[in-house]
Amino acid sequence: MGTSKAKATSKPKKTAATVKTTRSRQATIGKSGPSEEEIREKAMELYNDRISRGEHGTAEEDWLKAELLLGDSVK
C-alpha cells in the first residue's frame, strides 16, 4: 500500500482589496487627529462658505478653524 500525503493548506492569496483594507486599518490605528487632506477639504469648505456670505478672512484662518473643528470631532 502507498502512503498518503496530507495536503498542505495554502495561505489565501492577497488581493488588491485585502491589501487596501489592511493598509487602511494600519493607517487608522493610533490616529491622533485629522489628516492633512481632511483639514484641507474642511478649510476649502469653510472658505467657500465665507466667500458666499461676503465675509472677509484669510486662508490661514480657514485652516486653523478647520483644524479646531475636525480636532473636536475626533475626541
PDB file of N, CA and C in Angstrom:
ATOM      1  N   MET A   1       0.824  -1.180   0.000  1.00  0.00           N
ATOM      2  CA  MET A   1       0.000   0.000   0.000  1.00  0.00           C
ATOM      3  C   MET A   1       0.864   1.237   0.000  1.00  0.00           C
ATOM      4  N   GLY A   2       0.390   2.268  -0.665  1.00  0.00           N
ATOM      5  CA  GLY A   2       1.132   3.526  -0.712  1.00  0.00           C
ATOM      6  C   GLY A   2       0.772   4.395   0.490  1.00  0.00           C
ATOM      7  N   THR A   3       1.694   5.246   0.820  1.00  0.00           N
ATOM      8  CA  THR A   3       1.403   6.160   1.928  1.00  0.00           C
ATOM      9  C   THR A   3       0.710   7.393   1.372  1.00  0.00           C
ATOM     10  N   SER A   4      -0.221   7.893   2.124  1.00  0.00           N
ATOM     11  CA  SER A   4      -0.916   9.097   1.651  1.00  0.00           C
ATOM     12  C   SER A   4      -0.289  10.320   2.295  1.00  0.00           C
ATOM     13  N   LYS A   5      -0.135  11.322   1.493  1.00  0.00           N
ATOM     14  CA  LYS A   5       0.421  12.570   1.986  1.00  0.00           C
ATOM     15  C   LYS A   5      -0.717  13.533   2.282  1.00  0.00           C
ATOM     16  N   ALA A   6      -0.632  14.174   3.407  1.00  0.00           N
ATOM     17  CA  ALA A   6      -1.643  15.173   3.747  1.00  0.00           C
ATOM     18  C   ALA A   6      -1.390  16.407   2.894  1.00  0.00           C
ATOM     19  N   LYS A   7      -2.450  16.948   2.386  1.00  0.00           N
ATOM     20  CA  LYS A   7      -2.310  18.154   1.581  1.00  0.00           C
ATOM     21  C   LYS A   7      -1.968  19.329   2.490  1.00  0.00           C
ATOM     22  N   ALA A   8      -1.005  20.076   2.072  1.00  0.00           N
ATOM     23  CA  ALA A   8      -0.644  21.280   2.823  1.00  0.00           C
ATOM     24  C   ALA A   8      -1.676  22.348   2.546  1.00  0.00           C
ATOM     25  N   THR A   9      -2.084  22.995   3.589  1.00  0.00           N
ATOM     26  CA  THR A   9      -3.043  24.075   3.369  1.00  0.00           C
ATOM     27  C   THR A   9      -2.285  25.305   2.916  1.00  0.00           C
ATOM     28  N   SER A  10      -2.802  25.917   1.921  1.00  0.00           N
ATOM     29  CA  SER A  10      -2.129  27.107   1.402  1.00  0.00           C
ATOM     30  C   SER A  10      -2.749  28.350   2.013  1.00  0.00           C
ATOM     31  N   LYS A  11      -1.932  29.370   2.121  1.00  0.00           N
ATOM     32  CA  LYS A  11      -2.412  30.647   2.642  1.00  0.00           C
ATOM     33  C   LYS A  11      -3.252  31.311   1.566  1.00  0.00           C
ATOM     34  N   PRO A  12      -4.304  32.001   1.987  1.00  0.00           N
ATOM     35  CA  PRO A  12      -5.096  32.709   0.979  1.00  0.00           C
ATOM     36  C   PRO A  12      -4.259  33.796   0.312  1.00  0.00           C
ATOM     37  N   LYS A  13      -4.473  33.931  -0.958  1.00  0.00           N
ATOM     38  CA  LYS A  13      -3.732  34.941  -1.707  1.00  0.00           C
ATOM     39  C   LYS A  13      -4.247  36.323  -1.366  1.00  0.00           C
ATOM     40  N   LYS A  14      -3.322  37.267  -1.311  1.00  0.00           N
ATOM     41  CA  LYS A  14      -3.712  38.643  -1.047  1.00  0.00           C
ATOM     42  C   LYS A  14      -4.200  39.271  -2.343  1.00  0.00           C
ATOM     43  N   THR A  15      -5.364  39.822  -2.266  1.00  0.00           N
ATOM     44  CA  THR A  15      -5.902  40.537  -3.419  1.00  0.00           C
ATOM     45  C   THR A  15      -5.727  42.027  -3.172  1.00  0.00           C
ATOM     46  N   ALA A  16      -5.986  42.805  -4.166  1.00  0.00           N
ATOM     47  CA  ALA A  16      -5.867  44.258  -4.024  1.00  0.00           C
ATOM     48  C   ALA A  16      -6.806  44.753  -2.928  1.00  0.00           C
ATOM     49  N   ALA A  17      -7.969  44.137  -2.809  1.00  0.00           N
ATOM     50  CA  ALA A  17      -8.940  44.565  -1.801  1.00  0.00           C
ATOM     51  C   ALA A  17      -8.442  44.281  -0.390  1.00  0.00           C
ATOM     52  N   THR A  18      -7.850  43.104  -0.176  1.00  0.00           N
ATOM     53  CA  THR A  18      -7.370  42.787   1.173  1.00  0.00           C
ATOM     54  C   THR A  18      -6.161  43.621   1.538  1.00  0.00           C
ATOM     55  N   VAL A  19      -5.316  43.905   0.569  1.00  0.00           N
ATOM     56  CA  VAL A  19      -4.151  44.744   0.838  1.00  0.00           C
ATOM     57  C   VAL A  19      -4.608  46.153   1.196  1.00  0.00           C
ATOM     58  N   LYS A  20      -5.579  46.681   0.466  1.00  0.00           N
ATOM     59  CA  LYS A  20      -6.084  48.027   0.730  1.00  0.00           C
ATOM     60  C   LYS A  20      -6.723  48.089   2.113  1.00  0.00           C
ATOM     61  N   THR A  21      -7.505  47.081   2.482  1.00  0.00           N
ATOM     62  CA  THR A  21      -8.142  47.049   3.796  1.00  0.00           C
ATOM     63  C   THR A  21      -7.097  47.026   4.894  1.00  0.00           C
ATOM     64  N   THR A  22      -6.071  46.223   4.717  1.00  0.00           N
ATOM     65  CA  THR A  22      -5.011  46.134   5.710  1.00  0.00           C
ATOM     66  C   THR A  22      -4.314  47.472   5.869  1.00  0.00           C
ATOM     67  N   ARG A  23      -4.015  48.129   4.774  1.00  0.00           N
ATOM     68  CA  ARG A  23      -3.343  49.425   4.835  1.00  0.00           C
ATOM     69  C   ARG A  23      -4.213  50.464   5.529  1.00  0.00           C
ATOM     70  N   SER A  24      -5.513  50.483   5.210  1.00  0.00           N
ATOM     71  CA  SER A  24      -6.372  51.492   5.823  1.00  0.00           C
ATOM     72  C   SER A  24      -6.535  51.239   7.309  1.00  0.00           C
ATOM     73  N   ARG A  25      -6.552  49.978   7.727  1.00  0.00           N
ATOM     74  CA  ARG A  25      -6.621  49.675   9.154  1.00  0.00           C
ATOM     75  C   ARG A  25      -5.352  50.123   9.853  1.00  0.00           C
ATOM     76  N   GLN A  26      -4.205  49.908   9.225  1.00  0.00           N
ATOM     77  CA  GLN A  26      -2.950  50.323   9.819  1.00  0.00           C
ATOM     78  C   GLN A  26      -2.881  51.825   9.949  1.00  0.00           C
ATOM     79  N   ALA A  27      -3.418  52.531   8.981  1.00  0.00           N
ATOM     80  CA  ALA A  27      -3.361  53.989   8.997  1.00  0.00           C
ATOM     81  C   ALA A  27      -4.241  54.570  10.095  1.00  0.00           C
ATOM     82  N   THR A  28      -5.347  53.888  10.435  1.00  0.00           N
ATOM     83  CA  THR A  28      -6.255  54.437  11.428  1.00  0.00           C
ATOM     84  C   THR A  28      -5.915  54.025  12.848  1.00  0.00           C
ATOM     85  N   ILE A  29      -5.101  53.001  13.010  1.00  0.00           N
ATOM     86  CA  ILE A  29      -4.715  52.586  14.355  1.00  0.00           C
ATOM     87  C   ILE A  29      -3.844  53.664  14.967  1.00  0.00           C
ATOM     88  N   GLY A  30      -4.220  54.128  16.129  1.00  0.00           N
ATOM     89  CA  GLY A  30      -3.442  55.143  16.824  1.00  0.00           C
ATOM     90  C   GLY A  30      -3.543  56.525  16.204  1.00  0.00           C
ATOM     91  N   LYS A  31      -4.553  56.739  15.404  1.00  0.00           N
ATOM     92  CA  LYS A  31      -4.717  58.032  14.753  1.00  0.00           C
ATOM     93  C   LYS A  31      -5.008  59.081  15.816  1.00  0.00           C
ATOM     94  N   SER A  32      -4.205  60.129  15.821  1.00  0.00           N
ATOM     95  CA  SER A  32      -4.355  61.132  16.864  1.00  0.00           C
ATOM     96  C   SER A  32      -5.175  62.339  16.419  1.00  0.00           C
ATOM     97  N   GLY A  33      -5.390  62.502  15.166  1.00  0.00           N
ATOM     98  CA  GLY A  33      -6.148  63.654  14.694  1.00  0.00           C
ATOM     99  C   GLY A  33      -6.426  63.541  13.215  1.00  0.00           C
ATOM    100  N   PRO A  34      -7.029  64.572  12.675  1.00  0.00           N
ATOM    101  CA  PRO A  34      -7.380  64.546  11.250  1.00  0.00           C
ATOM    102  C   PRO A  34      -6.138  64.606  10.357  1.00  0.00           C
ATOM    103  N   SER A  35      -6.251  64.024   9.188  1.00  0.00           N
ATOM    104  CA  SER A  35      -5.148  64.062   8.234  1.00  0.00           C
ATOM    105  C   SER A  35      -5.081  65.437   7.583  1.00  0.00           C
ATOM    106  N   GLU A  36      -3.961  65.711   6.936  1.00  0.00           N
ATOM    107  CA  GLU A  36      -3.803  66.979   6.241  1.00  0.00           C
ATOM    108  C   GLU A  36      -4.853  67.131   5.146  1.00  0.00           C
ATOM    109  N   GLU A  37      -5.172  66.040   4.472  1.00  0.00           N
ATOM    110  CA  GLU A  37      -6.177  66.083   3.408  1.00  0.00           C
ATOM    111  C   GLU A  37      -7.555  66.420   3.977  1.00  0.00           C
ATOM    112  N   GLU A  38      -7.893  65.852   5.134  1.00  0.00           N
ATOM    113  CA  GLU A  38      -9.176  66.155   5.765  1.00  0.00           C
ATOM    114  C   GLU A  38      -9.252  67.634   6.163  1.00  0.00           C
ATOM    115  N   ILE A  39      -8.158  68.152   6.693  1.00  0.00           N
ATOM    116  CA  ILE A  39      -8.108  69.569   7.077  1.00  0.00           C
ATOM    117  C   ILE A  39      -8.242  70.448   5.848  1.00  0.00           C
ATOM    118  N   ARG A  40      -7.535  70.076   4.773  1.00  0.00           N
ATOM    119  CA  ARG A  40      -7.581  70.850   3.534  1.00  0.00           C
ATOM    120  C   ARG A  40      -9.011  70.926   2.995  1.00  0.00           C
ATOM    121  N   GLU A  41      -9.700  69.793   2.980  1.00  0.00           N
ATOM    122  CA  GLU A  41     -11.071  69.761   2.467  1.00  0.00           C
ATOM    123  C   GLU A  41     -12.007  70.617   3.325  1.00  0.00           C
ATOM    124  N   LYS A  42     -11.859  70.526   4.645  1.00  0.00           N
ATOM    125  CA  LYS A  42     -12.703  71.309   5.545  1.00  0.00           C
ATOM    126  C   LYS A  42     -12.401  72.802   5.400  1.00  0.00           C
ATOM    127  N   ALA A  43     -11.120  73.159   5.289  1.00  0.00           N
ATOM    128  CA  ALA A  43     -10.738  74.559   5.115  1.00  0.00           C
ATOM    129  C   ALA A  43     -11.319  75.111   3.817  1.00  0.00           C
ATOM    130  N   MET A  44     -11.327  74.308   2.772  1.00  0.00           N
ATOM    131  CA  MET A  44     -11.889  74.746   1.494  1.00  0.00           C
ATOM    132  C   MET A  44     -13.404  74.957   1.619  1.00  0.00           C
ATOM    133  N   GLU A  45     -14.047  74.071   2.353  1.00  0.00           N
ATOM    134  CA  GLU A  45     -15.484  74.215   2.600  1.00  0.00           C
ATOM    135  C   GLU A  45     -15.758  75.510   3.385  1.00  0.00           C
ATOM    136  N   LEU A  46     -14.957  75.766   4.415  1.00  0.00           N
ATOM    137  CA  LEU A  46     -15.111  76.990   5.205  1.00  0.00           C
ATOM    138  C   LEU A  46     -14.865  78.232   4.349  1.00  0.00           C
ATOM    139  N   TYR A  47     -13.843  78.168   3.499  1.00  0.00           N
ATOM    140  CA  TYR A  47     -13.526  79.282   2.598  1.00  0.00           C
ATOM    141  C   TYR A  47     -14.704  79.580   1.674  1.00  0.00           C
ATOM    142  N   ASN A  48     -15.226  78.537   1.043  1.00  0.00           N
ATOM    143  CA  ASN A  48     -16.351  78.732   0.105  1.00  0.00           C
ATOM    144  C   ASN A  48     -17.572  79.305   0.818  1.00  0.00           C
ATOM    145  N   ASP A  49     -17.857  78.816   2.025  1.00  0.00           N
ATOM    146  CA  ASP A  49     -18.985  79.344   2.797  1.00  0.00           C
ATOM    147  C   ASP A  49     -18.757  80.820   3.144  1.00  0.00           C
ATOM    148  N   ARG A  50     -17.538  81.129   3.570  1.00  0.00           N
ATOM    149  CA  ARG A  50     -17.198  82.500   3.968  1.00  0.00           C
ATOM    150  C   ARG A  50     -17.332  83.459   2.782  1.00  0.00           C
ATOM    151  N   ILE A  51     -16.815  83.058   1.641  1.00  0.00           N
ATOM    152  CA  ILE A  51     -16.874  83.888   0.431  1.00  0.00           C
ATOM    153  C   ILE A  51     -18.321  84.082  -0.024  1.00  0.00           C
ATOM    154  N   SER A  52     -19.120  83.018   0.050  1.00  0.00           N
ATOM    155  CA  SER A  52     -20.516  83.132  -0.386  1.00  0.00           C
ATOM    156  C   SER A  52     -21.313  84.084   0.499  1.00  0.00           C
ATOM    157  N   ARG A  53     -20.889  84.231   1.761  1.00  0.00           N
ATOM    158  CA  ARG A  53     -21.541  85.186   2.666  1.00  0.00           C
ATOM    159  C   ARG A  53     -20.942  86.579   2.556  1.00  0.00           C
ATOM    160  N   GLY A  54     -19.880  86.727   1.779  1.00  0.00           N
ATOM    161  CA  GLY A  54     -19.245  88.025   1.595  1.00  0.00           C
ATOM    162  C   GLY A  54     -18.399  88.469   2.783  1.00  0.00           C
ATOM    163  N   GLU A  55     -17.969  87.511   3.605  1.00  0.00           N
ATOM    164  CA  GLU A  55     -17.168  87.841   4.783  1.00  0.00           C
ATOM    165  C   GLU A  55     -15.689  87.870   4.427  1.00  0.00           C
ATOM    166  N   HIS A  56     -14.951  88.690   5.162  1.00  0.00           N
ATOM    167  CA  HIS A  56     -13.507  88.768   4.978  1.00  0.00           C
ATOM    168  C   HIS A  56     -12.824  87.718   5.835  1.00  0.00           C
ATOM    169  N   GLY A  57     -11.608  87.356   5.446  1.00  0.00           N
ATOM    170  CA  GLY A  57     -10.829  86.391   6.200  1.00  0.00           C
ATOM    171  C   GLY A  57      -9.622  85.980   5.398  1.00  0.00           C
ATOM    172  N   THR A  58      -8.866  85.059   5.958  1.00  0.00           N
ATOM    173  CA  THR A  58      -7.668  84.575   5.272  1.00  0.00           C
ATOM    174  C   THR A  58      -7.694  83.058   5.185  1.00  0.00           C
ATOM    175  N   ALA A  59      -6.857  82.535   4.305  1.00  0.00           N
ATOM    176  CA  ALA A  59      -6.719  81.090   4.166  1.00  0.00           C
ATOM    177  C   ALA A  59      -6.199  80.471   5.469  1.00  0.00           C
ATOM    178  N   GLU A  60      -5.308  81.189   6.141  1.00  0.00           N
ATOM    179  CA  GLU A  60      -4.751  80.688   7.398  1.00  0.00           C
ATOM    180  C   GLU A  60      -5.834  80.560   8.466  1.00  0.00           C
ATOM    181  N   GLU A  61      -6.734  81.541   8.517  1.00  0.00           N
ATOM    182  CA  GLU A  61      -7.841  81.472   9.473  1.00  0.00           C
ATOM    183  C   GLU A  61      -8.761  80.289   9.162  1.00  0.00           C
ATOM    184  N   ASP A  62      -9.016  80.066   7.880  1.00  0.00           N
ATOM    185  CA  ASP A  62      -9.846  78.936   7.473  1.00  0.00           C
ATOM    186  C   ASP A  62      -9.183  77.620   7.883  1.00  0.00           C
ATOM    187  N   TRP A  63      -7.878  77.526   7.678  1.00  0.00           N
ATOM    188  CA  TRP A  63      -7.126  76.309   8.007  1.00  0.00           C
ATOM    189  C   TRP A  63      -7.181  76.051   9.516  1.00  0.00           C
ATOM    190  N   LEU A  64      -6.924  77.083  10.308  1.00  0.00           N
ATOM    191  CA  LEU A  64      -6.915  76.916  11.764  1.00  0.00           C
ATOM    192  C   LEU A  64      -8.308  76.542  12.289  1.00  0.00           C
ATOM    193  N   LYS A  65      -9.325  77.156  11.718  1.00  0.00           N
ATOM    194  CA  LYS A  65     -10.697  76.831  12.122  1.00  0.00           C
ATOM    195  C   LYS A  65     -11.023  75.381  11.755  1.00  0.00           C
ATOM    196  N   ALA A  66     -10.573  74.946  10.584  1.00  0.00           N
ATOM    197  CA  ALA A  66     -10.800  73.556  10.153  1.00  0.00           C
ATOM    198  C   ALA A  66     -10.111  72.586  11.111  1.00  0.00           C
ATOM    199  N   GLU A  67      -8.875  72.899  11.508  1.00  0.00           N
ATOM    200  CA  GLU A  67      -8.160  72.048  12.459  1.00  0.00           C
ATOM    201  C   GLU A  67      -8.928  71.939  13.768  1.00  0.00           C
ATOM    202  N   LEU A  68      -9.420  73.071  14.262  1.00  0.00           N
ATOM    203  CA  LEU A  68     -10.182  73.068  15.518  1.00  0.00           C
ATOM    204  C   LEU A  68     -11.470  72.256  15.390  1.00  0.00           C
ATOM    205  N   LEU A  69     -12.211  72.481  14.319  1.00  0.00           N
ATOM    206  CA  LEU A  69     -13.477  71.775  14.140  1.00  0.00           C
ATOM    207  C   LEU A  69     -13.263  70.273  13.996  1.00  0.00           C
ATOM    208  N   LEU A  70     -12.285  69.868  13.206  1.00  0.00           N
ATOM    209  CA  LEU A  70     -12.037  68.446  12.997  1.00  0.00           C
ATOM    210  C   LEU A  70     -11.411  67.805  14.230  1.00  0.00           C
ATOM    211  N   GLY A  71     -10.565  68.552  14.920  1.00  0.00           N
ATOM    212  CA  GLY A  71      -9.949  68.028  16.129  1.00  0.00           C
ATOM    213  C   GLY A  71     -10.973  67.753  17.211  1.00  0.00           C
ATOM    214  N   ASP A  72     -11.978  68.632  17.314  1.00  0.00           N
ATOM    215  CA  ASP A  72     -13.033  68.451  18.296  1.00  0.00           C
ATOM    216  C   ASP A  72     -13.914  67.249  17.957  1.00  0.00           C
ATOM    217  N   SER A  73     -14.096  66.971  16.666  1.00  0.00           N
ATOM    218  CA  SER A  73     -14.955  65.858  16.259  1.00  0.00           C
ATOM    219  C   SER A  73     -14.287  64.514  16.488  1.00  0.00           C
ATOM    220  N   VAL A  74     -12.958  64.476  16.592  1.00  0.00           N
ATOM    221  CA  VAL A  74     -12.228  63.231  16.801  1.00  0.00           C
ATOM    222  C   VAL A  74     -12.347  62.789  18.240  1.00  0.00           C
ATOM    223  N   LYS A  75     -12.344  63.734  19.171  1.00  0.00           N
ATOM    224  CA  LYS A  75     -12.351  63.404  20.608  1.00  0.00           C
ATOM    225  C   LYS A  75     -13.665  62.860  21.080  1.00  0.00           C
TER     226      LYS A  75
END
